[in-house]
Amino acid sequence: MVISKLSKQLAIFVSLFIFAIEGVVFIYSYIGKEKELREIHRVLEEDIVTKTGKHFDELHPGILDNNDIKKRLQLFSRNIFFLVLLISIVTSIGVLYVFRLLAGKRINQIIQSNRHIDEKLDTKDLIVIDNSPLNEISELIISRNLMIQKIIAYQNNIEDEVKKLEEQIIQSAKMSAIGEMTASILHDIKNPLTSLDLHLQQMQYQKIVASEKSEKMEKSMLKMKSLIDRMGQYSRQSKFVKQKISLANVIRDSVGFVSSKIDKTGYIIKISGITDMTIMGDPIALQQVFTNLLSNALDAVENTPMKMIEIRASRDEKGYTIDIEDSGIGMNDETLASIFQAFYTTKPIGKGTGLGLSSVKQILSKHEATIAVQSQLDHGTHFSIHFKADIT
């Protein structure tokens, strides 16, 4: 079927091409005859004048009428003009027809491709037009424009969904961190409560309220209140709110969140260079970042001889750099390449969700900050976070 269609199209094209060539040859031959006739007329007139001294019209009036010859030549020229015009029109129609045959198939393929893409995007907005060449081109243009619009809308929907998923990941990571902090805070609350209970027992025994013991009781109560307030603030906030904050305070508060682990025998944490560092950021979100990194560092050094964690801060003309380095078990190249992926974790089931470092990177991205990591098995891990320069 396809071969017969191509044969017909080729036959039509060859016929039109031969017709055009024959027309050109015909016109060329007639133009040559016109020139030959004019030349004969001129030679005859010159020969008669030379031999007789008179024009041929004077010897035989009407036999060789110049006006009549001119009229015939004009008529002939006019016929040639119309013949050329006719051949041009037919040739143009033939070229358009051939273009229609050759390009129509490709246009239909593009239109069908557009329809297929449009169906994939679950849209029904393509306009169906009849199969004339101009309308096919119109349909091609319209379908392309509609397809572009739908792709843009589809892309916007995907971006919205990605943002929602990012927020859900951050919230899930926050809930996981809250679980870890709950254990830490319960440990921290237990110590001042024990101290408070001892002081109350002594007061009951002595039946007096000593100022020194009263002051210790007040400090214990304030410490418990501070811990509870911080946890409540952390768990309630869900929206990202930027404000002018001290990065040093955020880091110190984060260290406080994991203090129950740090207090264990054998852990060493060094802090250096933590001075006044002012940035625009969300303090609760950044606390989540540093708490997560510190918790991971503490887990990494748990079963190592030297349980060392170092936090260093430095500043240059571009901004602040916070380095968190541990002497833990380190990571291999495969783990290192995947640690920022959501739901990737090397921790036992029930201990890690795989959302921590993924949310860390997303939070830092919202602060226009960057994070880099270097690690080697049995040689520890080094996280480096860079914030832009302070604000005024």
Protein backbone atom coordinates (compact mmCIF):
# COMPACT_ATOMS: atom_id res chain seq x y z
CA MET A 1 0.00 0.00 0.00
CA VAL A 2 2.80 2.40 0.90
CA ILE A 3 4.77 1.47 -2.25
CA SER A 4 1.77 2.10 -4.54
CA LYS A 5 1.19 5.52 -2.92
CA LEU A 6 4.82 6.43 -3.42
CA SER A 7 4.68 5.22 -7.03
CA LYS A 8 1.64 7.39 -7.75
CA GLN A 9 3.28 10.41 -6.14
CA LEU A 10 6.47 9.83 -8.12
CA ALA A 11 4.54 9.41 -11.40
CA ILE A 12 2.64 12.66 -10.83
CA PHE A 13 5.83 14.50 -10.01
CA VAL A 14 7.64 13.16 -13.12
CA SER A 15 4.66 14.03 -15.34
CA LEU A 16 4.54 17.59 -14.05
CA PHE A 17 8.29 17.91 -14.49
CA ILE A 18 8.13 16.68 -18.11
CA PHE A 19 5.20 19.00 -18.82
CA ALA A 20 7.18 21.95 -17.51
CA ILE A 21 10.22 21.03 -19.63
CA GLU A 22 8.08 20.63 -22.79
CA GLY A 23 6.48 24.01 -22.12
CA VAL A 24 9.88 25.66 -21.80
CA VAL A 25 11.09 24.01 -25.06
CA PHE A 26 7.89 25.08 -26.83
CA ILE A 27 8.28 28.68 -25.71
CA TYR A 28 11.95 28.71 -26.67
CA SER A 29 11.20 27.37 -30.18
CA TYR A 30 8.46 29.91 -30.80
CA ILE A 31 10.62 32.74 -29.63
CA GLY A 32 13.24 31.52 -32.10
CA LYS A 33 10.67 31.47 -34.91
CA GLU A 34 9.61 35.01 -34.01
CA LYS A 35 13.19 36.22 -34.28
CA GLU A 36 13.64 34.35 -37.58
CA LEU A 37 10.48 35.91 -39.03
CA ARG A 38 11.60 39.39 -38.06
CA GLU A 39 15.00 38.78 -39.66
CA ILE A 40 13.43 37.55 -42.96
CA HIS A 41 11.19 40.61 -43.06
CA ARG A 42 14.17 42.90 -42.61
CA VAL A 43 16.31 41.16 -45.25
CA LEU A 44 13.50 41.20 -47.85
CA GLU A 45 12.88 44.90 -47.34
CA GLU A 46 16.57 45.72 -47.70
CA ASP A 47 16.95 43.55 -50.82
CA ILE A 48 13.91 45.13 -52.55
CA VAL A 49 15.04 48.64 -51.72
CA THR A 50 18.55 47.88 -53.00
CA LYS A 51 17.38 46.46 -56.34
CA THR A 52 14.40 48.70 -57.15
CA GLY A 53 14.97 51.76 -55.06
CA LYS A 54 11.43 51.39 -53.80
CA HIS A 55 9.80 49.73 -50.82
CA PHE A 56 7.94 46.47 -51.42
CA ASP A 57 4.69 48.13 -50.29
CA GLU A 58 5.02 50.63 -53.14
CA LEU A 59 5.44 47.85 -55.73
CA HIS A 60 2.77 45.48 -54.29
CA PRO A 61 0.63 47.30 -51.72
CA GLY A 62 -0.89 45.09 -49.00
CA ILE A 63 1.15 41.97 -49.77
CA LEU A 64 3.74 42.64 -47.02
CA ASP A 65 1.96 45.00 -44.67
CA ASN A 66 4.26 46.00 -41.82
CA ASN A 67 1.35 46.83 -39.59
CA ASP A 68 -0.19 43.46 -40.23
CA ILE A 69 3.10 41.72 -39.44
CA LYS A 70 3.47 43.77 -36.26
CA LYS A 71 -0.05 42.87 -35.21
CA ARG A 72 0.66 39.20 -35.80
CA LEU A 73 3.90 39.44 -33.85
CA GLN A 74 2.14 41.22 -30.97
CA LEU A 75 -0.58 38.57 -30.95
CA PHE A 76 2.07 35.88 -31.01
CA SER A 77 3.96 37.54 -28.14
CA ARG A 78 0.74 37.83 -26.15
CA ASN A 79 -0.02 34.16 -26.69
CA ILE A 80 3.49 33.27 -25.60
CA PHE A 81 3.04 35.36 -22.42
CA PHE A 82 -0.20 33.61 -21.50
CA LEU A 83 1.35 30.25 -22.27
CA VAL A 84 4.30 31.03 -19.99
CA LEU A 85 1.89 32.20 -17.29
CA LEU A 86 -0.14 29.00 -17.61
CA ILE A 87 2.96 26.83 -17.39
CA SER A 88 4.14 28.79 -14.30
CA ILE A 89 0.79 28.32 -12.59
CA VAL A 90 0.70 24.60 -13.36
CA THR A 91 4.31 24.20 -12.22
CA SER A 92 3.59 26.07 -8.96
CA ILE A 93 0.57 23.91 -8.30
CA GLY A 94 2.70 20.86 -9.01
CA VAL A 95 5.43 22.00 -6.62
CA LEU A 96 2.86 22.68 -3.89
CA TYR A 97 1.29 19.30 -4.49
CA VAL A 98 4.65 17.57 -4.28
CA PHE A 99 5.46 19.53 -1.10
CA ARG A 100 2.11 18.45 0.31
CA LEU A 101 2.87 14.82 -0.47
CA LEU A 102 6.41 14.92 0.89
CA ALA A 103 5.80 17.14 3.94
CA GLY A 104 2.29 15.97 4.78
CA LYS A 105 3.46 12.64 6.09
CA ARG A 106 6.04 14.28 8.37
CA ILE A 107 3.50 16.84 9.60
CA ASN A 108 1.03 14.05 10.40
CA GLN A 109 3.75 12.20 12.32
CA ILE A 110 4.47 15.31 14.40
CA ILE A 111 0.75 15.86 15.05
CA GLN A 112 0.32 12.23 16.12
CA SER A 113 3.37 12.59 18.38
CA ASN A 114 1.84 15.71 19.93
CA ARG A 115 -1.43 13.87 20.52
CA HIS A 116 0.42 10.99 22.14
CA ILE A 117 2.26 13.37 24.48
CA ASP A 118 -0.98 15.20 25.22
CA GLU A 119 -2.66 11.92 26.17
CA LYS A 120 0.25 11.15 28.49
CA LEU A 121 -0.36 14.50 30.17
CA ASP A 122 -4.07 13.59 30.58
CA THR A 123 -5.31 16.51 28.49
CA LYS A 124 -7.98 16.63 25.79
CA ASP A 125 -7.43 20.11 24.44
CA LEU A 126 -5.98 19.39 20.99
CA ILE A 127 -8.12 20.85 18.20
CA VAL A 128 -9.01 18.49 15.35
CA ILE A 129 -9.11 20.15 11.92
CA ASP A 130 -9.72 18.72 8.43
CA ASN A 131 -6.82 17.33 6.43
CA SER A 132 -6.11 20.16 4.01
CA PRO A 133 -2.42 21.19 3.94
CA LEU A 134 -2.90 24.62 5.49
CA ASN A 135 -5.16 23.25 8.23
CA GLU A 136 -2.68 20.49 9.02
CA ILE A 137 0.01 23.13 9.53
CA SER A 138 -2.44 25.14 11.66
CA GLU A 139 -3.19 22.07 13.73
CA LEU A 140 0.53 21.44 14.11
CA ILE A 141 1.12 24.97 15.41
CA ILE A 142 -1.91 24.89 17.73
CA SER A 143 -1.09 21.45 19.10
CA ARG A 144 2.53 22.45 19.70
CA ASN A 145 1.47 25.55 21.61
CA LEU A 146 -1.05 23.61 23.67
CA MET A 147 1.48 20.89 24.37
CA ILE A 148 4.02 23.45 25.59
CA GLN A 149 1.39 25.00 27.87
CA LYS A 150 0.48 21.61 29.30
CA ILE A 151 4.13 20.67 29.83
CA ILE A 152 4.70 23.94 31.72
CA ALA A 153 1.60 23.32 33.85
CA TYR A 154 2.68 19.71 34.44
CA GLN A 155 6.16 20.88 35.46
CA ASN A 156 4.67 23.42 37.87
CA ASN A 157 2.53 20.68 39.43
CA ILE A 158 5.59 18.47 39.85
CA GLU A 159 7.51 21.33 41.49
CA ASP A 160 4.60 21.90 43.89
CA GLU A 161 4.52 18.20 44.76
CA VAL A 162 8.28 18.18 45.31
CA LYS A 163 7.98 21.13 47.70
CA LYS A 164 5.22 19.33 49.62
CA LEU A 165 7.33 16.18 49.84
CA GLU A 166 10.32 18.19 51.05
CA GLU A 167 8.18 19.72 53.81
CA GLN A 168 6.90 16.27 54.76
CA ILE A 169 10.44 14.89 54.89
CA ILE A 170 11.58 17.74 57.10
CA GLN A 171 8.56 17.25 59.38
CA SER A 172 9.18 13.49 59.55
CA ALA A 173 12.82 14.08 60.39
CA LYS A 174 11.77 16.57 63.03
CA MET A 175 9.45 14.02 64.65
CA SER A 176 12.27 11.48 64.63
CA ALA A 177 14.59 14.04 66.24
CA ILE A 178 11.92 14.87 68.82
CA GLY A 179 11.88 11.21 69.83
CA GLU A 180 15.63 11.28 70.39
CA MET A 181 15.48 14.59 72.22
CA THR A 182 12.70 13.34 74.46
CA ALA A 183 15.01 10.68 75.82
CA SER A 184 17.77 13.25 76.23
CA ILE A 185 15.50 15.77 77.96
CA LEU A 186 14.02 13.14 80.25
CA HIS A 187 17.56 12.29 81.30
CA ASP A 188 18.35 15.96 81.88
CA ILE A 189 15.15 16.51 83.85
CA LYS A 190 15.82 13.51 86.04
CA ASN A 191 18.99 15.02 87.56
CA PRO A 192 17.45 18.33 88.76
CA LEU A 193 14.36 16.46 89.98
CA THR A 194 16.55 14.14 92.03
CA SER A 195 18.42 17.12 93.45
CA LEU A 196 15.14 18.88 94.20
CA ASP A 197 13.79 15.80 95.94
CA LEU A 198 16.88 15.56 98.16
CA HIS A 199 16.61 19.20 99.15
CA LEU A 200 12.93 18.77 100.01
CA GLN A 201 13.73 15.75 102.16
CA GLN A 202 16.38 17.71 104.03
CA MET A 203 13.97 20.60 104.51
CA GLN A 204 11.38 18.25 105.91
CA TYR A 205 13.96 16.72 108.21
CA GLN A 206 15.37 20.04 109.45
CA LYS A 207 11.99 21.80 109.27
CA ILE A 208 13.67 24.93 107.95
CA VAL A 209 14.04 26.61 104.56
CA ALA A 210 17.70 27.49 104.11
CA SER A 211 18.46 30.24 101.62
CA GLU A 212 21.23 28.21 99.98
CA LYS A 213 19.02 25.20 99.43
CA SER A 214 16.19 27.42 98.25
CA GLU A 215 18.49 28.90 95.60
CA LYS A 216 19.53 25.43 94.43
CA MET A 217 15.91 24.39 94.19
CA GLU A 218 15.11 27.46 92.11
CA LYS A 219 17.99 26.75 89.72
CA SER A 220 16.83 23.16 89.30
CA MET A 221 13.29 24.30 88.54
CA LEU A 222 14.52 26.88 86.02
CA LYS A 223 16.64 24.28 84.27
CA MET A 224 13.68 21.93 83.92
CA LYS A 225 11.48 24.75 82.64
CA SER A 226 14.11 25.73 80.07
CA LEU A 227 14.38 22.18 78.79
CA ILE A 228 10.62 21.79 78.49
CA ASP A 229 10.24 25.17 76.78
CA ARG A 230 12.92 24.36 74.21
CA MET A 231 11.33 21.04 73.37
CA GLY A 232 7.89 22.61 73.06
CA GLN A 233 9.19 25.34 70.79
CA TYR A 234 10.99 22.80 68.62
CA SER A 235 7.99 20.51 68.25
CA ARG A 236 5.41 23.25 67.57
CA GLN A 237 7.16 25.16 64.82
CA SER A 238 6.39 23.87 61.31
CA LYS A 239 6.76 26.99 59.17
CA PHE A 240 10.13 28.24 58.01
CA VAL A 241 10.65 31.71 59.56
CA LYS A 242 13.83 33.70 58.91
CA GLN A 243 15.05 36.25 61.43
CA LYS A 244 18.29 37.80 62.60
CA ILE A 245 19.91 35.18 64.83
CA SER A 246 23.19 34.34 66.52
CA LEU A 247 24.64 31.22 64.96
CA ALA A 248 26.82 30.72 68.03
CA ASN A 249 23.73 30.50 70.27
CA VAL A 250 22.12 28.00 67.91
CA ILE A 251 25.19 25.77 68.08
CA ARG A 252 25.37 25.99 71.88
CA ASP A 253 21.66 25.11 72.19
CA SER A 254 22.19 22.16 69.86
CA VAL A 255 25.03 20.91 72.04
CA GLY A 256 22.65 21.23 74.99
CA PHE A 257 20.10 19.02 73.22
CA VAL A 258 22.57 16.13 73.03
CA SER A 259 24.16 16.80 76.42
CA SER A 260 22.88 13.53 77.90
CA LYS A 261 25.01 11.59 75.40
CA ILE A 262 27.98 13.92 75.88
CA ASP A 263 27.86 13.44 79.64
CA LYS A 264 28.58 9.73 79.24
CA THR A 265 32.03 8.72 80.39
CA GLY A 266 34.71 8.87 77.73
CA TYR A 267 33.11 11.37 75.35
CA ILE A 268 35.17 14.44 74.53
CA ILE A 269 33.73 17.40 72.66
CA LYS A 270 35.86 20.42 71.75
CA ILE A 271 34.42 23.76 70.68
CA SER A 272 36.59 26.50 69.22
CA GLY A 273 36.05 29.76 67.35
CA ILE A 274 32.38 30.01 68.35
CA THR A 275 31.95 33.78 68.66
CA ASP A 276 29.28 36.25 67.62
CA MET A 277 28.12 35.14 64.17
CA THR A 278 24.98 36.83 62.90
CA ILE A 279 22.95 35.49 59.99
CA MET A 280 19.39 35.54 58.71
CA GLY A 281 17.89 32.16 59.49
CA ASP A 282 15.35 30.01 61.25
CA PRO A 283 16.83 29.14 64.68
CA ILE A 284 14.64 26.08 65.24
CA ALA A 285 15.41 24.63 61.81
CA LEU A 286 19.15 25.23 62.28
CA GLN A 287 19.01 23.61 65.71
CA GLN A 288 17.61 20.57 63.94
CA VAL A 289 20.60 20.65 61.55
CA PHE A 290 23.30 20.78 64.23
CA THR A 291 21.47 18.43 66.60
CA ASN A 292 21.24 15.85 63.84
CA LEU A 293 24.91 16.17 62.89
CA LEU A 294 26.03 15.99 66.52
CA SER A 295 23.81 12.96 67.22
CA ASN A 296 25.27 11.17 64.22
CA ALA A 297 28.79 12.03 65.37
CA LEU A 298 28.09 10.69 68.86
CA ASP A 299 26.73 7.45 67.39
CA ALA A 300 29.81 7.17 65.14
CA VAL A 301 32.31 7.42 68.03
CA GLU A 302 30.30 5.27 70.45
CA ASN A 303 32.32 2.09 69.89
CA THR A 304 35.71 3.66 69.21
CA PRO A 305 38.64 4.03 71.65
CA MET A 306 38.90 7.82 71.25
CA LYS A 307 35.43 9.33 71.45
CA MET A 308 36.41 12.73 70.10
CA ILE A 309 34.13 15.32 68.46
CA GLU A 310 35.35 18.76 67.47
CA ILE A 311 33.27 21.79 66.49
CA ARG A 312 35.19 24.63 64.85
CA ALA A 313 33.94 27.97 63.55
CA SER A 314 35.81 30.32 61.25
CA ARG A 315 35.09 33.38 59.17
CA ASP A 316 36.39 34.78 55.88
CA GLU A 317 35.26 37.48 53.45
CA LYS A 318 32.56 35.16 52.05
CA GLY A 319 30.91 34.17 55.32
CA TYR A 320 31.05 31.62 58.16
CA THR A 321 32.25 28.02 58.07
CA ILE A 322 31.24 25.49 60.73
CA ASP A 323 33.23 22.24 60.82
CA ILE A 324 32.02 19.20 62.75
CA GLU A 325 34.59 16.43 62.82
CA ASP A 326 34.54 13.12 64.67
CA SER A 327 36.99 10.27 65.22
CA GLY A 328 34.35 7.64 64.55
CA ILE A 329 34.06 4.63 62.28
CA GLY A 330 33.80 6.68 59.08
CA MET A 331 32.03 5.72 55.84
CA ASN A 332 32.91 3.92 52.63
CA ASP A 333 32.49 5.52 49.19
CA GLU A 334 29.09 3.92 48.56
CA THR A 335 27.64 5.23 51.82
CA LEU A 336 29.26 8.62 51.29
CA ALA A 337 27.56 8.98 47.91
CA SER A 338 24.10 8.23 49.34
CA ILE A 339 23.95 9.85 52.78
CA PHE A 340 21.90 12.86 51.63
CA GLN A 341 19.27 10.70 49.92
CA ALA A 342 15.92 10.46 51.68
CA PHE A 343 15.30 7.20 53.60
CA TYR A 344 18.92 6.06 53.24
CA THR A 345 20.35 4.87 56.55
CA THR A 346 23.05 2.54 57.82
CA LYS A 347 21.57 2.36 61.31
CA PRO A 348 19.68 -0.71 62.58
CA ILE A 349 15.93 -0.96 61.97
CA GLY A 350 14.06 1.15 64.49
CA LYS A 351 16.99 3.43 65.26
CA GLY A 352 17.22 5.52 62.10
CA THR A 353 14.66 6.74 59.54
CA GLY A 354 17.10 7.89 56.86
CA LEU A 355 15.51 11.34 56.86
CA GLY A 356 18.03 13.19 59.03
CA LEU A 357 20.74 14.20 56.58
CA SER A 358 18.22 14.63 53.77
CA SER A 359 16.35 17.21 55.84
CA VAL A 360 19.68 18.77 56.91
CA LYS A 361 20.57 19.48 53.29
CA GLN A 362 17.09 20.85 52.51
CA ILE A 363 17.13 23.18 55.52
CA LEU A 364 20.60 24.47 54.65
CA SER A 365 19.49 24.99 51.06
CA LYS A 366 16.68 27.24 52.31
CA HIS A 367 19.34 29.24 54.14
CA GLU A 368 21.41 29.44 50.93
CA ALA A 369 24.09 27.49 52.79
CA THR A 370 26.17 24.58 51.53
CA ILE A 371 27.30 21.37 53.19
CA ALA A 372 30.23 19.15 52.23
CA VAL A 373 31.39 15.87 53.73
CA GLN A 374 34.63 13.92 53.80
CA SER A 375 34.94 10.48 55.34
CA GLN A 376 37.09 7.38 55.33
CA LEU A 377 36.54 4.05 57.01
CA ASP A 378 38.13 3.94 60.48
CA HIS A 379 39.32 7.54 60.10
CA GLY A 380 36.22 9.52 61.06
CA THR A 381 33.92 11.93 59.26
CA HIS A 382 34.17 15.66 58.61
CA PHE A 383 31.13 17.84 57.80
CA SER A 384 31.73 21.41 56.65
CA ILE A 385 28.87 23.94 56.48
CA HIS A 386 29.26 27.36 54.89
CA PHE A 387 26.89 30.28 55.51
CA LYS A 388 26.92 33.59 53.68
CA ALA A 389 28.40 36.66 55.37
CA ASP A 390 26.62 38.38 58.24
CA ILE A 391 23.84 40.91 57.67
CA THR A 392 23.54 44.53 58.72
